[in-house]
PDB file of N, CA and C in Angstrom:
ATOM      1  N   UNK A   1      13.536 -23.898  -0.860  1.00  0.00           N
ATOM      2  CA  UNK A   1      14.356 -23.087  -1.738  1.00  0.00           C
ATOM      3  C   UNK A   1      13.737 -21.688  -1.821  1.00  0.00           C
ATOM      4  N   UNK A   2      14.543 -20.668  -1.605  1.00  0.00           N
ATOM      5  CA  UNK A   2      14.076 -19.276  -1.654  1.00  0.00           C
ATOM      6  C   UNK A   2      13.843 -18.859  -3.100  1.00  0.00           C
ATOM      7  N   UNK A   3      12.796 -18.076  -3.338  1.00  0.00           N
ATOM      8  CA  UNK A   3      12.565 -17.593  -4.703  1.00  0.00           C
ATOM      9  C   UNK A   3      13.676 -16.633  -5.119  1.00  0.00           C
ATOM     10  N   UNK A   4      13.956 -16.552  -6.424  1.00  0.00           N
ATOM     11  CA  UNK A   4      15.000 -15.625  -6.884  1.00  0.00           C
ATOM     12  C   UNK A   4      14.598 -14.186  -6.617  1.00  0.00           C
ATOM     13  N   UNK A   5      15.592 -13.358  -6.350  1.00  0.00           N
ATOM     14  CA  UNK A   5      15.341 -11.939  -6.124  1.00  0.00           C
ATOM     15  C   UNK A   5      15.045 -11.279  -7.466  1.00  0.00           C
ATOM     16  N   UNK A   6      14.077 -10.391  -7.490  1.00  0.00           N
ATOM     17  CA  UNK A   6      13.704  -9.671  -8.704  1.00  0.00           C
ATOM     18  C   UNK A   6      14.142  -8.228  -8.544  1.00  0.00           C
ATOM     19  N   UNK A   7      14.932  -7.736  -9.493  1.00  0.00           N
ATOM     20  CA  UNK A   7      15.374  -6.349  -9.456  1.00  0.00           C
ATOM     21  C   UNK A   7      14.288  -5.492 -10.086  1.00  0.00           C
ATOM     22  N   UNK A   8      13.791  -4.547  -9.303  1.00  0.00           N
ATOM     23  CA  UNK A   8      12.734  -3.659  -9.776  1.00  0.00           C
ATOM     24  C   UNK A   8      13.269  -2.230  -9.698  1.00  0.00           C
ATOM     25  N   UNK A   9      13.175  -1.463 -10.777  1.00  0.00           N
ATOM     26  CA  UNK A   9      13.665  -0.082 -10.748  1.00  0.00           C
ATOM     27  C   UNK A   9      12.780   0.788  -9.860  1.00  0.00           C
ATOM     28  N   UNK A  10      13.193   2.001  -9.615  1.00  0.00           N
ATOM     29  CA  UNK A  10      12.389   2.953  -8.849  1.00  0.00           C
ATOM     30  C   UNK A  10      11.082   3.201  -9.592  1.00  0.00           C
ATOM     31  N   UNK A  11       9.976   2.964  -8.917  1.00  0.00           N
ATOM     32  CA  UNK A  11       8.661   3.141  -9.533  1.00  0.00           C
ATOM     33  C   UNK A  11       7.866   4.263  -8.867  1.00  0.00           C
ATOM     34  N   UNK A  12       8.564   5.146  -8.181  1.00  0.00           N
ATOM     35  CA  UNK A  12       7.905   6.256  -7.507  1.00  0.00           C
ATOM     36  C   UNK A  12       7.076   7.049  -8.509  1.00  0.00           C
ATOM     37  N   UNK A  13       5.822   7.301  -8.147  1.00  0.00           N
ATOM     38  CA  UNK A  13       4.935   8.065  -9.010  1.00  0.00           C
ATOM     39  C   UNK A  13       4.245   7.241 -10.084  1.00  0.00           C
ATOM     40  N   UNK A  14       4.513   5.952 -10.121  1.00  0.00           N
ATOM     41  CA  UNK A  14       3.901   5.080 -11.131  1.00  0.00           C
ATOM     42  C   UNK A  14       2.739   4.316 -10.508  1.00  0.00           C
ATOM     43  N   UNK A  15       1.784   3.937 -11.328  1.00  0.00           N
ATOM     44  CA  UNK A  15       0.658   3.121 -10.919  1.00  0.00           C
ATOM     45  C   UNK A  15       0.841   1.741 -11.519  1.00  0.00           C
ATOM     46  N   UNK A  16       0.735   0.705 -10.691  1.00  0.00           N
ATOM     47  CA  UNK A  16       0.852  -0.667 -11.178  1.00  0.00           C
ATOM     48  C   UNK A  16      -0.436  -1.413 -10.853  1.00  0.00           C
ATOM     49  N   UNK A  17      -1.008  -2.053 -11.847  1.00  0.00           N
ATOM     50  CA  UNK A  17      -2.166  -2.915 -11.634  1.00  0.00           C
ATOM     51  C   UNK A  17      -1.664  -4.341 -11.773  1.00  0.00           C
ATOM     52  N   UNK A  18      -1.703  -5.078 -10.666  1.00  0.00           N
ATOM     53  CA  UNK A  18      -1.196  -6.445 -10.648  1.00  0.00           C
ATOM     54  C   UNK A  18      -2.378  -7.404 -10.683  1.00  0.00           C
ATOM     55  N   UNK A  19      -2.453  -8.223 -11.722  1.00  0.00           N
ATOM     56  CA  UNK A  19      -3.517  -9.219 -11.804  1.00  0.00           C
ATOM     57  C   UNK A  19      -3.067 -10.479 -11.074  1.00  0.00           C
ATOM     58  N   UNK A  20      -4.014 -11.198 -10.523  1.00  0.00           N
ATOM     59  CA  UNK A  20      -3.675 -12.405  -9.757  1.00  0.00           C
ATOM     60  C   UNK A  20      -2.871 -12.065  -8.518  1.00  0.00           C
ATOM     61  N   UNK A  21      -3.158 -10.913  -7.924  1.00  0.00           N
ATOM     62  CA  UNK A  21      -2.328 -10.381  -6.841  1.00  0.00           C
ATOM     63  C   UNK A  21      -2.573 -11.028  -5.486  1.00  0.00           C
ATOM     64  N   UNK A  22      -3.508 -11.957  -5.406  1.00  0.00           N
ATOM     65  CA  UNK A  22      -3.801 -12.552  -4.104  1.00  0.00           C
ATOM     66  C   UNK A  22      -2.892 -13.720  -3.751  1.00  0.00           C
ATOM     67  N   UNK A  23      -2.083 -14.208  -4.713  1.00  0.00           N
ATOM     68  CA  UNK A  23      -1.211 -15.344  -4.399  1.00  0.00           C
ATOM     69  C   UNK A  23      -0.084 -15.453  -5.428  1.00  0.00           C
ATOM     70  N   UNK A  24       0.867 -16.288  -5.103  1.00  0.00           N
ATOM     71  CA  UNK A  24       1.937 -16.619  -6.030  1.00  0.00           C
ATOM     72  C   UNK A  24       2.730 -15.434  -6.541  1.00  0.00           C
ATOM     73  N   UNK A  25       3.035 -15.479  -7.826  1.00  0.00           N
ATOM     74  CA  UNK A  25       3.850 -14.444  -8.459  1.00  0.00           C
ATOM     75  C   UNK A  25       3.203 -13.065  -8.338  1.00  0.00           C
ATOM     76  N   UNK A  26       1.896 -12.987  -8.539  1.00  0.00           N
ATOM     77  CA  UNK A  26       1.202 -11.707  -8.438  1.00  0.00           C
ATOM     78  C   UNK A  26       1.331 -11.095  -7.059  1.00  0.00           C
ATOM     79  N   UNK A  27       1.195 -11.924  -6.017  1.00  0.00           N
ATOM     80  CA  UNK A  27       1.323 -11.425  -4.653  1.00  0.00           C
ATOM     81  C   UNK A  27       2.753 -10.952  -4.391  1.00  0.00           C
ATOM     82  N   UNK A  28       3.723 -11.707  -4.856  1.00  0.00           N
ATOM     83  CA  UNK A  28       5.124 -11.321  -4.682  1.00  0.00           C
ATOM     84  C   UNK A  28       5.457 -10.021  -5.389  1.00  0.00           C
ATOM     85  N   UNK A  29       4.965  -9.877  -6.614  1.00  0.00           N
ATOM     86  CA  UNK A  29       5.226  -8.645  -7.365  1.00  0.00           C
ATOM     87  C   UNK A  29       4.528  -7.442  -6.739  1.00  0.00           C
ATOM     88  N   UNK A  30       3.375  -7.670  -6.140  1.00  0.00           N
ATOM     89  CA  UNK A  30       2.670  -6.582  -5.456  1.00  0.00           C
ATOM     90  C   UNK A  30       3.577  -5.961  -4.404  1.00  0.00           C
ATOM     91  N   UNK A  31       4.185  -6.801  -3.587  1.00  0.00           N
ATOM     92  CA  UNK A  31       5.097  -6.313  -2.549  1.00  0.00           C
ATOM     93  C   UNK A  31       6.324  -5.637  -3.122  1.00  0.00           C
ATOM     94  N   UNK A  32       6.908  -6.238  -4.145  1.00  0.00           N
ATOM     95  CA  UNK A  32       8.124  -5.670  -4.738  1.00  0.00           C
ATOM     96  C   UNK A  32       7.844  -4.310  -5.378  1.00  0.00           C
ATOM     97  N   UNK A  33       6.744  -4.195  -6.102  1.00  0.00           N
ATOM     98  CA  UNK A  33       6.407  -2.929  -6.750  1.00  0.00           C
ATOM     99  C   UNK A  33       6.100  -1.853  -5.712  1.00  0.00           C
ATOM    100  N   UNK A  34       5.397  -2.236  -4.657  1.00  0.00           N
ATOM    101  CA  UNK A  34       5.087  -1.271  -3.590  1.00  0.00           C
ATOM    102  C   UNK A  34       6.373  -0.789  -2.924  1.00  0.00           C
ATOM    103  N   UNK A  35       7.303  -1.708  -2.645  1.00  0.00           N
ATOM    104  CA  UNK A  35       8.584  -1.312  -2.031  1.00  0.00           C
ATOM    105  C   UNK A  35       9.401  -0.435  -2.971  1.00  0.00           C
ATOM    106  N   UNK A  36       9.162  -0.558  -4.275  1.00  0.00           N
ATOM    107  CA  UNK A  36       9.877   0.270  -5.256  1.00  0.00           C
ATOM    108  C   UNK A  36       9.201   1.622  -5.447  1.00  0.00           C
ATOM    109  N   UNK A  37       8.123   1.880  -4.681  1.00  0.00           N
ATOM    110  CA  UNK A  37       7.500   3.191  -4.710  1.00  0.00           C
ATOM    111  C   UNK A  37       6.226   3.311  -5.515  1.00  0.00           C
ATOM    112  N   UNK A  38       5.786   2.235  -6.160  1.00  0.00           N
ATOM    113  CA  UNK A  38       4.589   2.310  -6.990  1.00  0.00           C
ATOM    114  C   UNK A  38       3.326   2.326  -6.135  1.00  0.00           C
ATOM    115  N   UNK A  39       2.303   2.976  -6.649  1.00  0.00           N
ATOM    116  CA  UNK A  39       0.962   2.827  -6.096  1.00  0.00           C
ATOM    117  C   UNK A  39       0.426   1.556  -6.742  1.00  0.00           C
ATOM    118  N   UNK A  40       0.005   0.589  -5.944  1.00  0.00           N
ATOM    119  CA  UNK A  40      -0.364  -0.719  -6.468  1.00  0.00           C
ATOM    120  C   UNK A  40      -1.851  -0.987  -6.288  1.00  0.00           C
ATOM    121  N   UNK A  41      -2.478  -1.406  -7.361  1.00  0.00           N
ATOM    122  CA  UNK A  41      -3.855  -1.884  -7.317  1.00  0.00           C
ATOM    123  C   UNK A  41      -3.792  -3.390  -7.489  1.00  0.00           C
ATOM    124  N   UNK A  42      -4.354  -4.101  -6.512  1.00  0.00           N
ATOM    125  CA  UNK A  42      -4.357  -5.560  -6.547  1.00  0.00           C
ATOM    126  C   UNK A  42      -5.643  -6.028  -7.221  1.00  0.00           C
ATOM    127  N   UNK A  43      -5.525  -6.568  -8.422  1.00  0.00           N
ATOM    128  CA  UNK A  43      -6.690  -7.090  -9.135  1.00  0.00           C
ATOM    129  C   UNK A  43      -6.799  -8.583  -8.843  1.00  0.00           C
ATOM    130  N   UNK A  44      -7.960  -8.981  -8.308  1.00  0.00           N
ATOM    131  CA  UNK A  44      -8.187 -10.392  -7.977  1.00  0.00           C
ATOM    132  C   UNK A  44      -9.561 -10.806  -8.485  1.00  0.00           C
ATOM    133  N   UNK A  45      -9.712 -12.092  -8.772  1.00  0.00           N
ATOM    134  CA  UNK A  45     -11.008 -12.602  -9.223  1.00  0.00           C
ATOM    135  C   UNK A  45     -11.863 -13.080  -8.063  1.00  0.00           C
ATOM    136  N   UNK A  46     -11.209 -13.471  -6.970  1.00  0.00           N
ATOM    137  CA  UNK A  46     -11.925 -14.033  -5.833  1.00  0.00           C
ATOM    138  C   UNK A  46     -11.833 -13.057  -4.661  1.00  0.00           C
ATOM    139  N   UNK A  47     -12.958 -12.460  -4.301  1.00  0.00           N
ATOM    140  CA  UNK A  47     -12.965 -11.445  -3.248  1.00  0.00           C
ATOM    141  C   UNK A  47     -12.440 -11.987  -1.915  1.00  0.00           C
ATOM    142  N   UNK A  48     -12.793 -13.214  -1.588  1.00  0.00           N
ATOM    143  CA  UNK A  48     -12.328 -13.821  -0.337  1.00  0.00           C
ATOM    144  C   UNK A  48     -10.818 -13.969  -0.302  1.00  0.00           C
ATOM    145  N   UNK A  49     -10.233 -14.447  -1.408  1.00  0.00           N
ATOM    146  CA  UNK A  49      -8.776 -14.589  -1.470  1.00  0.00           C
ATOM    147  C   UNK A  49      -8.099 -13.231  -1.482  1.00  0.00           C
ATOM    148  N   UNK A  50      -8.746 -12.237  -2.098  1.00  0.00           N
ATOM    149  CA  UNK A  50      -8.206 -10.879  -2.073  1.00  0.00           C
ATOM    150  C   UNK A  50      -8.168 -10.338  -0.655  1.00  0.00           C
ATOM    151  N   UNK A  51      -9.237 -10.589   0.101  1.00  0.00           N
ATOM    152  CA  UNK A  51      -9.290 -10.148   1.502  1.00  0.00           C
ATOM    153  C   UNK A  51      -8.209 -10.839   2.330  1.00  0.00           C
ATOM    154  N   UNK A  52      -7.959 -12.118   2.058  1.00  0.00           N
ATOM    155  CA  UNK A  52      -6.885 -12.841   2.756  1.00  0.00           C
ATOM    156  C   UNK A  52      -5.526 -12.216   2.450  1.00  0.00           C
ATOM    157  N   UNK A  53      -5.311 -11.839   1.201  1.00  0.00           N
ATOM    158  CA  UNK A  53      -4.041 -11.205   0.814  1.00  0.00           C
ATOM    159  C   UNK A  53      -3.874  -9.866   1.527  1.00  0.00           C
ATOM    160  N   UNK A  54      -4.959  -9.095   1.613  1.00  0.00           N
ATOM    161  CA  UNK A  54      -4.900  -7.811   2.316  1.00  0.00           C
ATOM    162  C   UNK A  54      -4.554  -8.026   3.776  1.00  0.00           C
ATOM    163  N   UNK A  55      -5.153  -9.026   4.410  1.00  0.00           N
ATOM    164  CA  UNK A  55      -4.859  -9.315   5.820  1.00  0.00           C
ATOM    165  C   UNK A  55      -3.399  -9.725   6.007  1.00  0.00           C
ATOM    166  N   UNK A  56      -2.878 -10.496   5.067  1.00  0.00           N
ATOM    167  CA  UNK A  56      -1.471 -10.916   5.147  1.00  0.00           C
ATOM    168  C   UNK A  56      -0.544  -9.701   5.043  1.00  0.00           C
ATOM    169  N   UNK A  57      -0.834  -8.814   4.099  1.00  0.00           N
ATOM    170  CA  UNK A  57      -0.025  -7.602   3.946  1.00  0.00           C
ATOM    171  C   UNK A  57      -0.132  -6.743   5.201  1.00  0.00           C
ATOM    172  N   UNK A  58      -1.346  -6.601   5.725  1.00  0.00           N
ATOM    173  CA  UNK A  58      -1.550  -5.820   6.945  1.00  0.00           C
ATOM    174  C   UNK A  58      -0.706  -6.361   8.091  1.00  0.00           C
ATOM    175  N   UNK A  59      -0.705  -7.677   8.275  1.00  0.00           N
ATOM    176  CA  UNK A  59       0.071  -8.288   9.361  1.00  0.00           C
ATOM    177  C   UNK A  59       1.568  -8.026   9.181  1.00  0.00           C
ATOM    178  N   UNK A  60       2.055  -8.118   7.947  1.00  0.00           N
ATOM    179  CA  UNK A  60       3.481  -7.883   7.683  1.00  0.00           C
ATOM    180  C   UNK A  60       3.858  -6.426   7.944  1.00  0.00           C
ATOM    181  N   UNK A  61       3.010  -5.493   7.505  1.00  0.00           N
ATOM    182  CA  UNK A  61       3.291  -4.073   7.713  1.00  0.00           C
ATOM    183  C   UNK A  61       3.257  -3.743   9.203  1.00  0.00           C
ATOM    184  N   UNK A  62       2.250  -4.241   9.904  1.00  0.00           N
ATOM    185  CA  UNK A  62       2.149  -3.984  11.347  1.00  0.00           C
ATOM    186  C   UNK A  62       3.377  -4.510  12.083  1.00  0.00           C
ATOM    187  N   UNK A  63       3.878  -5.657  11.655  1.00  0.00           N
ATOM    188  CA  UNK A  63       5.078  -6.235  12.279  1.00  0.00           C
ATOM    189  C   UNK A  63       6.297  -5.335  12.036  1.00  0.00           C
ATOM    190  N   UNK A  64       6.458  -4.870  10.812  1.00  0.00           N
ATOM    191  CA  UNK A  64       7.595  -4.004  10.480  1.00  0.00           C
ATOM    192  C   UNK A  64       7.533  -2.708  11.283  1.00  0.00           C
ATOM    193  N   UNK A  65       6.334  -2.167  11.449  1.00  0.00           N
ATOM    194  CA  UNK A  65       6.190  -0.888  12.154  1.00  0.00           C
ATOM    195  C   UNK A  65       6.500  -0.988  13.641  1.00  0.00           C
ATOM    196  N   UNK A  66       6.564  -2.207  14.184  1.00  0.00           N
ATOM    197  CA  UNK A  66       6.936  -2.369  15.589  1.00  0.00           C
ATOM    198  C   UNK A  66       8.444  -2.470  15.772  1.00  0.00           C
ATOM    199  N   UNK A  67       9.182  -2.593  14.682  1.00  0.00           N
ATOM    200  CA  UNK A  67      10.643  -2.673  14.749  1.00  0.00           C
ATOM    201  C   UNK A  67      11.181  -1.328  15.246  1.00  0.00           C
ATOM    202  N   UNK A  68      11.934  -1.319  16.354  1.00  0.00           N
ATOM    203  CA  UNK A  68      12.438  -0.056  16.908  1.00  0.00           C
ATOM    204  C   UNK A  68      13.255   0.763  15.906  1.00  0.00           C
ATOM    205  N   UNK A  69      14.040   0.107  15.055  1.00  0.00           N
ATOM    206  CA  UNK A  69      14.850   0.841  14.075  1.00  0.00           C
ATOM    207  C   UNK A  69      13.968   1.532  13.045  1.00  0.00           C
ATOM    208  N   UNK A  70      12.922   0.858  12.612  1.00  0.00           N
ATOM    209  CA  UNK A  70      11.995   1.452  11.642  1.00  0.00           C
ATOM    210  C   UNK A  70      11.258   2.613  12.287  1.00  0.00           C
ATOM    211  N   UNK A  71      10.802   2.405  13.505  1.00  0.00           N
ATOM    212  CA  UNK A  71      10.082   3.453  14.217  1.00  0.00           C
ATOM    213  C   UNK A  71      10.963   4.686  14.410  1.00  0.00           C
ATOM    214  N   UNK A  72      12.203   4.477  14.833  1.00  0.00           N
ATOM    215  CA  UNK A  72      13.130   5.593  15.077  1.00  0.00           C
ATOM    216  C   UNK A  72      13.415   6.351  13.780  1.00  0.00           C
ATOM    217  N   UNK A  73      13.674   5.629  12.699  1.00  0.00           N
ATOM    218  CA  UNK A  73      13.964   6.280  11.418  1.00  0.00           C
ATOM    219  C   UNK A  73      12.742   7.055  10.929  1.00  0.00           C
ATOM    220  N   UNK A  74      11.562   6.483  11.075  1.00  0.00           N
ATOM    221  CA  UNK A  74      10.337   7.171  10.659  1.00  0.00           C
ATOM    222  C   UNK A  74      10.150   8.457  11.445  1.00  0.00           C
ATOM    223  N   UNK A  75      10.312   8.372  12.761  1.00  0.00           N
ATOM    224  CA  UNK A  75      10.103   9.542  13.610  1.00  0.00           C
ATOM    225  C   UNK A  75      11.147  10.618  13.358  1.00  0.00           C
ATOM    226  N   UNK A  76      12.359  10.200  13.014  1.00  0.00           N
ATOM    227  CA  UNK A  76      13.419  11.157  12.710  1.00  0.00           C
ATOM    228  C   UNK A  76      13.075  11.999  11.487  1.00  0.00           C
ATOM    229  N   UNK A  77      12.272  11.446  10.588  1.00  0.00           N
ATOM    230  CA  UNK A  77      11.883  12.172   9.379  1.00  0.00           C
ATOM    231  C   UNK A  77      10.503  12.819   9.519  1.00  0.00           C
ATOM    232  N   UNK A  78       9.979  12.826  10.753  1.00  0.00           N
ATOM    233  CA  UNK A  78       8.700  13.475  11.005  1.00  0.00           C
ATOM    234  C   UNK A  78       7.485  12.627  10.691  1.00  0.00           C
ATOM    235  N   UNK A  79       7.688  11.341  10.545  1.00  0.00           N
ATOM    236  CA  UNK A  79       6.580  10.424  10.274  1.00  0.00           C
ATOM    237  C   UNK A  79       6.303   9.581  11.511  1.00  0.00           C
ATOM    238  N   UNK A  80       5.052   9.482  11.872  1.00  0.00           N
ATOM    239  CA  UNK A  80       4.658   8.734  13.055  1.00  0.00           C
ATOM    240  C   UNK A  80       3.637   7.676  12.635  1.00  0.00           C
ATOM    241  N   UNK A  81       4.134   6.501  12.225  1.00  0.00           N
ATOM    242  CA  UNK A  81       3.239   5.461  11.712  1.00  0.00           C
ATOM    243  C   UNK A  81       2.194   5.041  12.743  1.00  0.00           C
ATOM    244  N   UNK A  82       0.993   4.867  12.263  1.00  0.00           N
ATOM    245  CA  UNK A  82      -0.111   4.404  13.090  1.00  0.00           C
ATOM    246  C   UNK A  82      -0.697   3.176  12.398  1.00  0.00           C
ATOM    247  N   UNK A  83      -0.880   2.121  13.145  1.00  0.00           N
ATOM    248  CA  UNK A  83      -1.485   0.939  12.542  1.00  0.00           C
ATOM    249  C   UNK A  83      -2.990   0.976  12.755  1.00  0.00           C
ATOM    250  N   UNK A  84      -3.689   0.444  11.789  1.00  0.00           N
ATOM    251  CA  UNK A  84      -5.134   0.314  11.860  1.00  0.00           C
ATOM    252  C   UNK A  84      -5.499  -0.926  11.057  1.00  0.00           C
ATOM    253  N   UNK A  85      -6.727  -1.336  11.155  1.00  0.00           N
ATOM    254  CA  UNK A  85      -7.165  -2.469  10.342  1.00  0.00           C
ATOM    255  C   UNK A  85      -7.373  -1.994   8.911  1.00  0.00           C
ATOM    256  N   UNK A  86      -7.387  -2.908   7.953  1.00  0.00           N
ATOM    257  CA  UNK A  86      -7.673  -2.503   6.575  1.00  0.00           C
ATOM    258  C   UNK A  86      -9.021  -1.788   6.450  1.00  0.00           C
ATOM    259  N   UNK A  87     -10.031  -2.234   7.185  1.00  0.00           N
ATOM    260  CA  UNK A  87     -11.343  -1.573   7.118  1.00  0.00           C
ATOM    261  C   UNK A  87     -11.284  -0.160   7.695  1.00  0.00           C
ATOM    262  N   UNK A  88     -10.548   0.024   8.788  1.00  0.00           N
ATOM    263  CA  UNK A  88     -10.399   1.365   9.370  1.00  0.00           C
ATOM    264  C   UNK A  88      -9.667   2.293   8.407  1.00  0.00           C
ATOM    265  N   UNK A  89      -8.629   1.774   7.759  1.00  0.00           N
ATOM    266  CA  UNK A  89      -7.874   2.585   6.815  1.00  0.00           C
ATOM    267  C   UNK A  89      -8.746   2.965   5.618  1.00  0.00           C
ATOM    268  N   UNK A  90      -9.523   2.019   5.126  1.00  0.00           N
ATOM    269  CA  UNK A  90     -10.422   2.287   4.004  1.00  0.00           C
ATOM    270  C   UNK A  90     -11.424   3.377   4.374  1.00  0.00           C
ATOM    271  N   UNK A  91     -11.983   3.297   5.573  1.00  0.00           N
ATOM    272  CA  UNK A  91     -12.938   4.312   6.029  1.00  0.00           C
ATOM    273  C   UNK A  91     -12.261   5.675   6.139  1.00  0.00           C
ATOM    274  N   UNK A  92     -11.024   5.700   6.625  1.00  0.00           N
ATOM    275  CA  UNK A  92     -10.275   6.951   6.742  1.00  0.00           C
ATOM    276  C   UNK A  92     -10.056   7.581   5.365  1.00  0.00           C
ATOM    277  N   UNK A  93      -9.649   6.768   4.392  1.00  0.00           N
ATOM    278  CA  UNK A  93      -9.394   7.272   3.039  1.00  0.00           C
ATOM    279  C   UNK A  93     -10.680   7.814   2.422  1.00  0.00           C
ATOM    280  N   UNK A  94     -11.788   7.093   2.584  1.00  0.00           N
ATOM    281  CA  UNK A  94     -13.066   7.579   2.054  1.00  0.00           C
ATOM    282  C   UNK A  94     -13.443   8.920   2.689  1.00  0.00           C
ATOM    283  N   UNK A  95     -13.257   9.036   4.002  1.00  0.00           N
ATOM    284  CA  UNK A  95     -13.594  10.273   4.712  1.00  0.00           C
ATOM    285  C   UNK A  95     -12.714  11.430   4.226  1.00  0.00           C
ATOM    286  N   UNK A  96     -11.409  11.172   4.080  1.00  0.00           N
ATOM    287  CA  UNK A  96     -10.489  12.210   3.616  1.00  0.00           C
ATOM    288  C   UNK A  96     -10.785  12.615   2.178  1.00  0.00           C
ATOM    289  N   UNK A  97     -11.127  11.655   1.328  1.00  0.00           N
ATOM    290  CA  UNK A  97     -11.464  11.978  -0.062  1.00  0.00           C
ATOM    291  C   UNK A  97     -12.693  12.875  -0.115  1.00  0.00           C
ATOM    292  N   UNK A  98     -13.672  12.550   0.699  1.00  0.00           N
ATOM    293  CA  UNK A  98     -14.885  13.380   0.741  1.00  0.00           C
ATOM    294  C   UNK A  98     -14.550  14.768   1.282  1.00  0.00           C
ATOM    295  N   UNK A  99     -13.736  14.809   2.315  1.00  0.00           N
ATOM    296  CA  UNK A  99     -13.360  16.076   2.949  1.00  0.00           C
ATOM    297  C   UNK A  99     -12.638  17.003   1.975  1.00  0.00           C
ATOM    298  N   UNK A 100     -11.691  16.449   1.222  1.00  0.00           N
ATOM    299  CA  UNK A 100     -10.855  17.290   0.362  1.00  0.00           C
ATOM    300  C   UNK A 100     -11.427  17.478  -1.036  1.00  0.00           C
ATOM    301  N   UNK A 101     -12.417  16.696  -1.423  1.00  0.00           N
ATOM    302  CA  UNK A 101     -12.962  16.856  -2.778  1.00  0.00           C
ATOM    303  C   UNK A 101     -13.587  18.232  -2.971  1.00  0.00           C
ATOM    304  N   UNK A 102     -14.195  18.780  -1.925  1.00  0.00           N
ATOM    305  CA  UNK A 102     -14.769  20.125  -2.028  1.00  0.00           C
ATOM    306  C   UNK A 102     -13.685  21.170  -2.283  1.00  0.00           C
ATOM    307  N   UNK A 103     -12.561  21.019  -1.629  1.00  0.00           N
ATOM    308  CA  UNK A 103     -11.441  21.953  -1.821  1.00  0.00           C
ATOM    309  C   UNK A 103     -10.926  21.853  -3.250  1.00  0.00           C
ATOM    310  N   UNK A 104     -10.773  20.632  -3.731  1.00  0.00           N
ATOM    311  CA  UNK A 104     -10.280  20.428  -5.099  1.00  0.00           C
ATOM    312  C   UNK A 104     -11.240  21.048  -6.103  1.00  0.00           C
ATOM    313  N   UNK A 105     -12.525  20.790  -5.932  1.00  0.00           N
ATOM    314  CA  UNK A 105     -13.518  21.344  -6.855  1.00  0.00           C
ATOM    315  C   UNK A 105     -13.556  22.861  -6.797  1.00  0.00           C
ATOM    316  N   UNK A 106     -13.524  23.393  -5.586  1.00  0.00           N
ATOM    317  CA  UNK A 106     -13.614  24.852  -5.383  1.00  0.00           C
ATOM    318  C   UNK A 106     -12.417  25.581  -5.997  1.00  0.00           C
ATOM    319  N   UNK A 107     -11.232  25.010  -5.869  1.00  0.00           N
ATOM    320  CA  UNK A 107     -10.026  25.681  -6.361  1.00  0.00           C
ATOM    321  C   UNK A 107      -9.702  25.336  -7.811  1.00  0.00           C
ATOM    322  N   UNK A 108     -10.347  24.305  -8.337  1.00  0.00           N
ATOM    323  CA  UNK A 108     -10.043  23.881  -9.713  1.00  0.00           C
ATOM    324  C   UNK A 108      -8.711  23.175  -9.822  1.00  0.00           C
ATOM    325  N   UNK A 109      -8.232  22.623  -8.726  1.00  0.00           N
ATOM    326  CA  UNK A 109      -6.941  21.925  -8.726  1.00  0.00           C
ATOM    327  C   UNK A 109      -6.966  20.758  -9.712  1.00  0.00           C
ATOM    328  N   UNK A 110      -5.815  20.495 -10.311  1.00  0.00           N
ATOM    329  CA  UNK A 110      -5.642  19.380 -11.246  1.00  0.00           C
ATOM    330  C   UNK A 110      -4.470  18.530 -10.813  1.00  0.00           C
ATOM    331  N   UNK A 111      -4.536  17.255 -11.109  1.00  0.00           N
ATOM    332  CA  UNK A 111      -3.460  16.320 -10.800  1.00  0.00           C
ATOM    333  C   UNK A 111      -2.556  16.175 -12.010  1.00  0.00           C
ATOM    334  N   UNK A 112      -1.263  16.377 -11.812  1.00  0.00           N
ATOM    335  CA  UNK A 112      -0.288  16.190 -12.907  1.00  0.00           C
ATOM    336  C   UNK A 112       0.399  14.871 -12.755  1.00  0.00           C
TER     337      UNK A 112
END
């Protein structure tokens, strides 16, 4: 039996912290909130199960990005998706944060 569909409003620009996000309802809501535009933080008690959830999400995203229709639509809007492992992406984000933090500090930029 398929789970019931959950209607989630547009959450663009919102931050969602999902507890128990590595399985069950929490894992399902993580995906739904992310698709609705939210920045999602997955809170888990078990690091191993959290890593498994990240790998599952990574596999699903990588699969979607190979869909020719998704690729064509992305490229039409100037986006060229690149897949990487979760560890590679984490390293990239850390490097970019370090790179741009000097600019933010130097200019006094603020986040609204």
